[in-house]
N, C-alpha and C. Protein backbone atom coordinates (compact mmCIF):
# COMPACT_ATOMS: atom_id res chain seq x y z
N MET A 1 63.09 -70.14 156.79
CA MET A 1 63.05 -71.57 156.73
C MET A 1 64.47 -72.08 156.47
N THR A 2 64.80 -73.19 157.10
CA THR A 2 66.10 -73.81 156.86
C THR A 2 65.90 -75.17 156.21
N ALA A 3 66.94 -75.63 155.54
CA ALA A 3 66.87 -76.92 154.86
C ALA A 3 68.28 -77.48 154.69
N VAL A 4 68.34 -78.73 154.36
CA VAL A 4 69.60 -79.36 153.97
C VAL A 4 69.47 -79.84 152.53
N ILE A 5 70.59 -80.02 151.89
CA ILE A 5 70.62 -80.56 150.53
C ILE A 5 71.10 -81.99 150.60
N TYR A 6 70.34 -82.89 150.00
CA TYR A 6 70.77 -84.28 149.86
C TYR A 6 71.08 -84.50 148.39
N ALA A 7 72.33 -84.81 148.09
CA ALA A 7 72.74 -85.06 146.71
C ALA A 7 73.38 -86.44 146.63
N ARG A 8 73.16 -87.11 145.50
CA ARG A 8 73.75 -88.44 145.33
C ARG A 8 73.94 -88.72 143.86
N TYR A 9 74.82 -89.67 143.62
CA TYR A 9 74.90 -90.24 142.29
C TYR A 9 75.14 -91.73 142.43
N SER A 10 74.63 -92.47 141.47
CA SER A 10 74.77 -93.92 141.52
C SER A 10 76.12 -94.31 140.95
N SER A 11 76.50 -95.52 141.22
CA SER A 11 77.77 -96.02 140.71
C SER A 11 77.68 -96.37 139.23
N ASP A 12 76.48 -96.40 138.69
CA ASP A 12 76.29 -96.87 137.32
C ASP A 12 76.82 -95.91 136.27
N ASN A 13 76.37 -94.65 136.29
CA ASN A 13 76.71 -93.78 135.16
C ASN A 13 76.90 -92.32 135.53
N ARG A 14 77.15 -92.00 136.75
CA ARG A 14 77.31 -90.60 137.16
C ARG A 14 78.72 -90.37 137.69
N ARG A 15 79.03 -89.08 137.85
CA ARG A 15 80.34 -88.71 138.35
C ARG A 15 80.20 -87.59 139.38
N GLU A 16 81.33 -87.20 139.95
CA GLU A 16 81.36 -86.16 140.98
C GLU A 16 80.72 -84.86 140.49
N GLU A 17 80.85 -84.55 139.21
CA GLU A 17 80.26 -83.32 138.68
C GLU A 17 78.74 -83.31 138.88
N SER A 18 78.15 -84.48 138.91
CA SER A 18 76.70 -84.59 139.14
C SER A 18 76.34 -84.02 140.51
N ILE A 19 77.14 -84.32 141.50
CA ILE A 19 76.92 -83.81 142.86
C ILE A 19 77.01 -82.28 142.85
N GLU A 20 78.05 -81.76 142.23
CA GLU A 20 78.24 -80.31 142.18
C GLU A 20 77.06 -79.63 141.50
N GLY A 21 76.56 -80.21 140.42
CA GLY A 21 75.41 -79.65 139.72
C GLY A 21 74.15 -79.67 140.56
N GLN A 22 73.95 -80.75 141.30
CA GLN A 22 72.77 -80.84 142.17
C GLN A 22 72.84 -79.79 143.27
N ILE A 23 74.02 -79.61 143.83
CA ILE A 23 74.18 -78.61 144.90
C ILE A 23 73.95 -77.21 144.34
N ARG A 24 74.51 -76.91 143.16
CA ARG A 24 74.30 -75.59 142.55
C ARG A 24 72.82 -75.33 142.31
N ALA A 25 72.12 -76.31 141.72
CA ALA A 25 70.70 -76.13 141.40
C ALA A 25 69.86 -75.95 142.67
N ASN A 26 70.13 -76.75 143.67
CA ASN A 26 69.36 -76.65 144.91
C ASN A 26 69.68 -75.38 145.68
N THR A 27 70.94 -74.95 145.65
CA THR A 27 71.31 -73.70 146.31
C THR A 27 70.64 -72.51 145.64
N ALA A 28 70.61 -72.51 144.32
CA ALA A 28 69.94 -71.42 143.59
C ALA A 28 68.45 -71.39 143.92
N PHE A 29 67.82 -72.55 143.97
CA PHE A 29 66.40 -72.62 144.34
C PHE A 29 66.19 -72.06 145.74
N ALA A 30 67.05 -72.47 146.68
CA ALA A 30 66.91 -72.02 148.06
C ALA A 30 67.06 -70.50 148.15
N GLU A 31 68.07 -69.96 147.50
CA GLU A 31 68.28 -68.51 147.54
C GLU A 31 67.09 -67.76 146.96
N LYS A 32 66.55 -68.27 145.88
CA LYS A 32 65.41 -67.61 145.22
C LYS A 32 64.16 -67.64 146.10
N ASN A 33 64.07 -68.63 146.98
CA ASN A 33 62.87 -68.81 147.79
C ASN A 33 63.08 -68.52 149.28
N GLY A 34 64.18 -67.86 149.62
CA GLY A 34 64.41 -67.45 151.00
C GLY A 34 64.69 -68.60 151.96
N ILE A 35 65.26 -69.66 151.46
CA ILE A 35 65.58 -70.84 152.28
C ILE A 35 67.06 -70.82 152.59
N VAL A 36 67.40 -71.02 153.86
CA VAL A 36 68.80 -71.05 154.28
C VAL A 36 69.27 -72.50 154.34
N ILE A 37 70.30 -72.82 153.57
CA ILE A 37 70.86 -74.17 153.57
C ILE A 37 71.80 -74.30 154.76
N VAL A 38 71.52 -75.28 155.63
CA VAL A 38 72.31 -75.44 156.84
C VAL A 38 73.22 -76.66 156.79
N GLY A 39 73.17 -77.41 155.71
CA GLY A 39 74.05 -78.57 155.60
C GLY A 39 73.86 -79.31 154.30
N HIS A 40 74.80 -80.20 154.04
CA HIS A 40 74.75 -81.05 152.85
C HIS A 40 74.94 -82.50 153.28
N TYR A 41 74.14 -83.37 152.73
CA TYR A 41 74.33 -84.81 152.87
C TYR A 41 74.60 -85.35 151.48
N ILE A 42 75.71 -86.06 151.33
CA ILE A 42 76.12 -86.53 150.01
C ILE A 42 76.43 -88.01 150.05
N ASP A 43 75.80 -88.76 149.15
CA ASP A 43 76.12 -90.17 148.95
C ASP A 43 76.74 -90.30 147.57
N ARG A 44 77.97 -90.76 147.53
CA ARG A 44 78.69 -90.91 146.27
C ARG A 44 78.71 -92.37 145.85
N ALA A 45 78.39 -92.60 144.59
CA ALA A 45 78.45 -93.94 143.98
C ALA A 45 77.66 -94.97 144.78
N VAL A 46 76.45 -94.59 145.16
CA VAL A 46 75.58 -95.48 145.93
C VAL A 46 74.28 -95.66 145.17
N SER A 47 73.96 -96.87 144.85
CA SER A 47 72.74 -97.16 144.12
C SER A 47 71.53 -97.06 145.04
N THR A 48 70.39 -96.66 144.48
CA THR A 48 69.15 -96.62 145.27
C THR A 48 68.62 -98.02 145.51
N LYS A 49 69.20 -99.01 144.85
CA LYS A 49 68.73 -100.39 144.99
C LYS A 49 69.21 -101.04 146.28
N ILE A 50 70.17 -100.39 146.95
CA ILE A 50 70.63 -100.94 148.22
C ILE A 50 70.10 -100.10 149.36
N ASN A 51 70.10 -100.65 150.54
CA ASN A 51 69.53 -99.94 151.68
C ASN A 51 70.61 -99.41 152.61
N ASN A 52 71.83 -99.24 152.12
CA ASN A 52 72.92 -98.78 152.96
C ASN A 52 73.43 -97.42 152.49
N ARG A 53 72.51 -96.49 152.31
CA ARG A 53 72.89 -95.13 151.90
C ARG A 53 73.05 -94.31 153.17
N LEU A 54 74.27 -94.14 153.61
CA LEU A 54 74.60 -93.57 154.91
C LEU A 54 73.88 -92.25 155.17
N PHE A 55 74.05 -91.27 154.30
CA PHE A 55 73.49 -89.95 154.58
C PHE A 55 71.99 -89.89 154.34
N PHE A 56 71.49 -90.66 153.39
CA PHE A 56 70.04 -90.72 153.19
C PHE A 56 69.39 -91.27 154.44
N ASN A 57 69.92 -92.36 154.95
CA ASN A 57 69.34 -92.97 156.15
C ASN A 57 69.46 -92.03 157.36
N LYS A 58 70.56 -91.30 157.46
CA LYS A 58 70.72 -90.33 158.55
C LYS A 58 69.67 -89.23 158.42
N ARG A 59 69.45 -88.76 157.21
CA ARG A 59 68.44 -87.71 156.99
C ARG A 59 67.06 -88.18 157.38
N VAL A 60 66.73 -89.41 157.05
CA VAL A 60 65.42 -89.96 157.41
C VAL A 60 65.28 -90.03 158.93
N ARG A 61 66.32 -90.47 159.63
CA ARG A 61 66.26 -90.55 161.10
C ARG A 61 66.06 -89.17 161.71
N ILE A 62 66.79 -88.18 161.20
CA ILE A 62 66.66 -86.82 161.73
C ILE A 62 65.26 -86.29 161.48
N SER A 63 64.73 -86.50 160.28
CA SER A 63 63.38 -86.03 159.95
C SER A 63 62.35 -86.66 160.86
N ARG A 64 62.45 -87.96 161.07
CA ARG A 64 61.50 -88.64 161.97
C ARG A 64 61.58 -88.08 163.38
N HIS A 65 62.79 -87.83 163.84
CA HIS A 65 62.99 -87.28 165.19
C HIS A 65 62.32 -85.90 165.30
N LEU A 66 62.53 -85.06 164.29
CA LEU A 66 61.94 -83.72 164.31
C LEU A 66 60.42 -83.77 164.26
N LEU A 67 59.87 -84.69 163.49
CA LEU A 67 58.42 -84.83 163.43
C LEU A 67 57.81 -85.25 164.75
N HIS A 68 58.53 -86.11 165.48
CA HIS A 68 58.01 -86.58 166.77
C HIS A 68 58.11 -85.52 167.86
N GLN A 69 58.93 -84.51 167.66
CA GLN A 69 59.07 -83.45 168.66
C GLN A 69 57.98 -82.41 168.54
N ARG A 70 57.20 -82.44 167.47
CA ARG A 70 56.14 -81.44 167.28
C ARG A 70 54.98 -81.67 168.21
């Protein structure tokens, strides 16, 4: 199975180290469960309250496209 990691932090109270920690935790989970990480999508200093999260929106479009190909 393959997967991508989506990591983000808001502009309110997080820092770049938060992204690194999320990637480490998700990579460890993937390795433990036989999942191959094929990419990373990262949104830095972007609040979930706005609808302009570049990589989140890209991930949603890709997922929808893959679902429609089934």
